[in-house]
């Protein structure tokens, strides 16, 4: 298993959008904090909730 990248909230949202997620304000499916760097535990939680392959978030 590769190491996760250090990503901002906006970068995580871009990856999720590739998988059909949409950024909305009324209903939140996956909560992504708009932080400069997201903590690894939070990123792992986002990956689990979204079902997006972990590889999308890993270092090449």
N, C-alpha and C. Protein backbone atom coordinates (compact mmCIF):
# COMPACT_ATOMS: atom_id res chain seq x y z
N UNK A 1 0.84 -1.17 0.00
CA UNK A 1 0.00 0.00 0.00
C UNK A 1 0.89 1.24 0.00
N UNK A 2 0.65 2.15 -0.94
CA UNK A 2 1.46 3.36 -1.05
C UNK A 2 1.06 4.39 -0.02
N UNK A 3 1.94 5.37 0.18
CA UNK A 3 1.66 6.47 1.10
C UNK A 3 0.66 7.44 0.48
N UNK A 4 -0.15 8.03 1.33
CA UNK A 4 -1.11 9.04 0.86
C UNK A 4 -0.40 10.36 0.62
N UNK A 5 -0.87 11.09 -0.38
CA UNK A 5 -0.36 12.43 -0.66
C UNK A 5 -0.86 13.39 0.42
N UNK A 6 -0.20 14.51 0.57
CA UNK A 6 -0.72 15.60 1.39
C UNK A 6 -1.56 16.44 0.43
N UNK A 7 -2.87 16.52 0.70
CA UNK A 7 -3.80 17.20 -0.20
C UNK A 7 -4.58 18.27 0.54
N UNK A 8 -4.97 19.30 -0.18
CA UNK A 8 -5.86 20.31 0.38
C UNK A 8 -7.30 19.84 0.22
N UNK A 9 -8.21 20.51 0.89
CA UNK A 9 -9.63 20.18 0.74
C UNK A 9 -10.09 20.33 -0.70
N UNK A 10 -9.63 21.35 -1.37
CA UNK A 10 -10.02 21.57 -2.76
C UNK A 10 -9.50 20.47 -3.67
N UNK A 11 -8.28 20.00 -3.41
CA UNK A 11 -7.71 18.92 -4.22
C UNK A 11 -8.51 17.62 -4.04
N UNK A 12 -8.93 17.35 -2.80
CA UNK A 12 -9.75 16.17 -2.53
C UNK A 12 -11.08 16.29 -3.27
N UNK A 13 -11.67 17.46 -3.25
CA UNK A 13 -12.94 17.68 -3.96
C UNK A 13 -12.80 17.43 -5.46
N UNK A 14 -11.69 17.84 -6.05
CA UNK A 14 -11.46 17.61 -7.49
C UNK A 14 -11.43 16.12 -7.79
N UNK A 15 -10.76 15.34 -6.94
CA UNK A 15 -10.71 13.89 -7.15
C UNK A 15 -12.11 13.29 -7.02
N UNK A 16 -12.85 13.71 -5.99
CA UNK A 16 -14.19 13.18 -5.78
C UNK A 16 -15.11 13.53 -6.95
N UNK A 17 -14.96 14.72 -7.52
CA UNK A 17 -15.80 15.13 -8.65
C UNK A 17 -15.59 14.23 -9.87
N UNK A 18 -14.38 13.69 -10.03
CA UNK A 18 -14.10 12.76 -11.13
C UNK A 18 -14.96 11.50 -11.00
N UNK A 19 -15.42 11.20 -9.79
CA UNK A 19 -16.22 10.02 -9.53
C UNK A 19 -17.70 10.36 -9.34
N UNK A 20 -18.10 11.53 -9.81
CA UNK A 20 -19.52 11.88 -9.82
C UNK A 20 -20.03 12.61 -8.60
N UNK A 21 -19.16 12.90 -7.63
CA UNK A 21 -19.60 13.67 -6.48
C UNK A 21 -19.74 15.13 -6.88
N UNK A 22 -20.69 15.81 -6.27
CA UNK A 22 -20.89 17.23 -6.54
C UNK A 22 -20.81 17.99 -5.23
N UNK A 23 -20.24 19.19 -5.32
CA UNK A 23 -20.15 20.05 -4.14
C UNK A 23 -21.47 20.76 -3.97
N UNK A 24 -22.11 20.54 -2.84
CA UNK A 24 -23.39 21.18 -2.56
C UNK A 24 -23.36 21.76 -1.16
N UNK A 25 -24.26 22.65 -0.90
CA UNK A 25 -24.31 23.30 0.41
C UNK A 25 -25.48 22.80 1.26
N UNK A 26 -26.51 22.23 0.62
CA UNK A 26 -27.69 21.83 1.36
C UNK A 26 -27.53 20.43 1.95
N UNK A 27 -27.14 19.46 1.13
CA UNK A 27 -26.97 18.08 1.57
C UNK A 27 -25.50 17.72 1.45
N UNK A 28 -24.95 17.18 2.51
CA UNK A 28 -23.54 16.80 2.48
C UNK A 28 -23.46 15.28 2.48
N UNK A 29 -22.89 14.74 1.40
CA UNK A 29 -22.70 13.30 1.31
C UNK A 29 -21.39 12.92 1.96
N UNK A 30 -20.34 13.63 1.61
CA UNK A 30 -19.01 13.40 2.18
C UNK A 30 -18.49 14.76 2.62
N UNK A 31 -18.20 14.88 3.90
CA UNK A 31 -17.69 16.14 4.44
C UNK A 31 -16.21 16.26 4.16
N UNK A 32 -15.83 17.32 3.43
CA UNK A 32 -14.42 17.59 3.13
C UNK A 32 -14.09 18.98 3.66
N UNK A 33 -13.27 19.06 4.71
CA UNK A 33 -12.93 20.37 5.25
C UNK A 33 -12.06 21.16 4.26
N UNK A 34 -12.30 22.44 4.17
CA UNK A 34 -11.55 23.31 3.26
C UNK A 34 -10.29 23.80 3.97
N UNK A 35 -9.40 22.85 4.28
CA UNK A 35 -8.14 23.16 4.94
C UNK A 35 -7.00 23.12 3.93
N UNK A 36 -5.93 23.80 4.26
CA UNK A 36 -4.75 23.78 3.40
C UNK A 36 -4.18 22.37 3.30
N UNK A 37 -4.14 21.66 4.43
CA UNK A 37 -3.72 20.25 4.47
C UNK A 37 -4.73 19.48 5.32
N UNK A 38 -5.20 18.37 4.79
CA UNK A 38 -6.14 17.53 5.52
C UNK A 38 -5.35 16.46 6.27
N UNK A 39 -5.70 16.23 7.53
CA UNK A 39 -5.03 15.21 8.34
C UNK A 39 -5.28 13.83 7.73
N UNK A 40 -4.31 12.94 7.89
CA UNK A 40 -4.39 11.60 7.29
C UNK A 40 -5.64 10.84 7.73
N UNK A 41 -5.98 10.92 9.00
CA UNK A 41 -7.17 10.22 9.50
C UNK A 41 -8.43 10.72 8.84
N UNK A 42 -8.51 12.03 8.63
CA UNK A 42 -9.66 12.62 7.95
C UNK A 42 -9.71 12.16 6.51
N UNK A 43 -8.56 12.15 5.83
CA UNK A 43 -8.50 11.71 4.44
C UNK A 43 -8.92 10.24 4.31
N UNK A 44 -8.47 9.41 5.23
CA UNK A 44 -8.86 8.00 5.19
C UNK A 44 -10.37 7.86 5.36
N UNK A 45 -10.95 8.66 6.23
CA UNK A 45 -12.39 8.65 6.44
C UNK A 45 -13.13 9.07 5.16
N UNK A 46 -12.63 10.10 4.49
CA UNK A 46 -13.23 10.58 3.24
C UNK A 46 -13.16 9.47 2.19
N UNK A 47 -12.02 8.80 2.10
CA UNK A 47 -11.85 7.71 1.13
C UNK A 47 -12.86 6.60 1.42
N UNK A 48 -13.00 6.22 2.69
CA UNK A 48 -13.96 5.17 3.07
C UNK A 48 -15.39 5.57 2.72
N UNK A 49 -15.77 6.78 3.08
CA UNK A 49 -17.13 7.24 2.85
C UNK A 49 -17.47 7.33 1.37
N UNK A 50 -16.51 7.77 0.57
CA UNK A 50 -16.76 8.02 -0.85
C UNK A 50 -16.72 6.75 -1.70
N UNK A 51 -15.93 5.77 -1.28
CA UNK A 51 -15.77 4.57 -2.10
C UNK A 51 -14.81 4.76 -3.27
N UNK A 52 -14.16 5.91 -3.34
CA UNK A 52 -13.18 6.18 -4.40
C UNK A 52 -11.93 5.36 -4.10
N UNK A 53 -11.31 4.74 -5.12
CA UNK A 53 -10.12 3.94 -4.87
C UNK A 53 -9.01 4.75 -4.17
N UNK A 54 -8.42 4.15 -3.17
CA UNK A 54 -7.35 4.79 -2.39
C UNK A 54 -6.22 5.26 -3.28
N UNK A 55 -5.95 4.52 -4.36
CA UNK A 55 -4.85 4.85 -5.26
C UNK A 55 -4.93 6.27 -5.81
N UNK A 56 -6.15 6.80 -5.93
CA UNK A 56 -6.34 8.17 -6.42
C UNK A 56 -5.70 9.19 -5.51
N UNK A 57 -5.53 8.84 -4.26
CA UNK A 57 -5.04 9.78 -3.26
C UNK A 57 -3.58 9.48 -2.87
N UNK A 58 -2.96 8.48 -3.51
CA UNK A 58 -1.62 8.06 -3.14
C UNK A 58 -0.55 8.72 -3.99
N UNK A 59 0.65 8.73 -3.47
CA UNK A 59 1.82 9.25 -4.19
C UNK A 59 2.13 8.30 -5.32
N UNK A 60 2.42 8.85 -6.50
CA UNK A 60 2.73 8.02 -7.68
C UNK A 60 4.03 7.30 -7.52
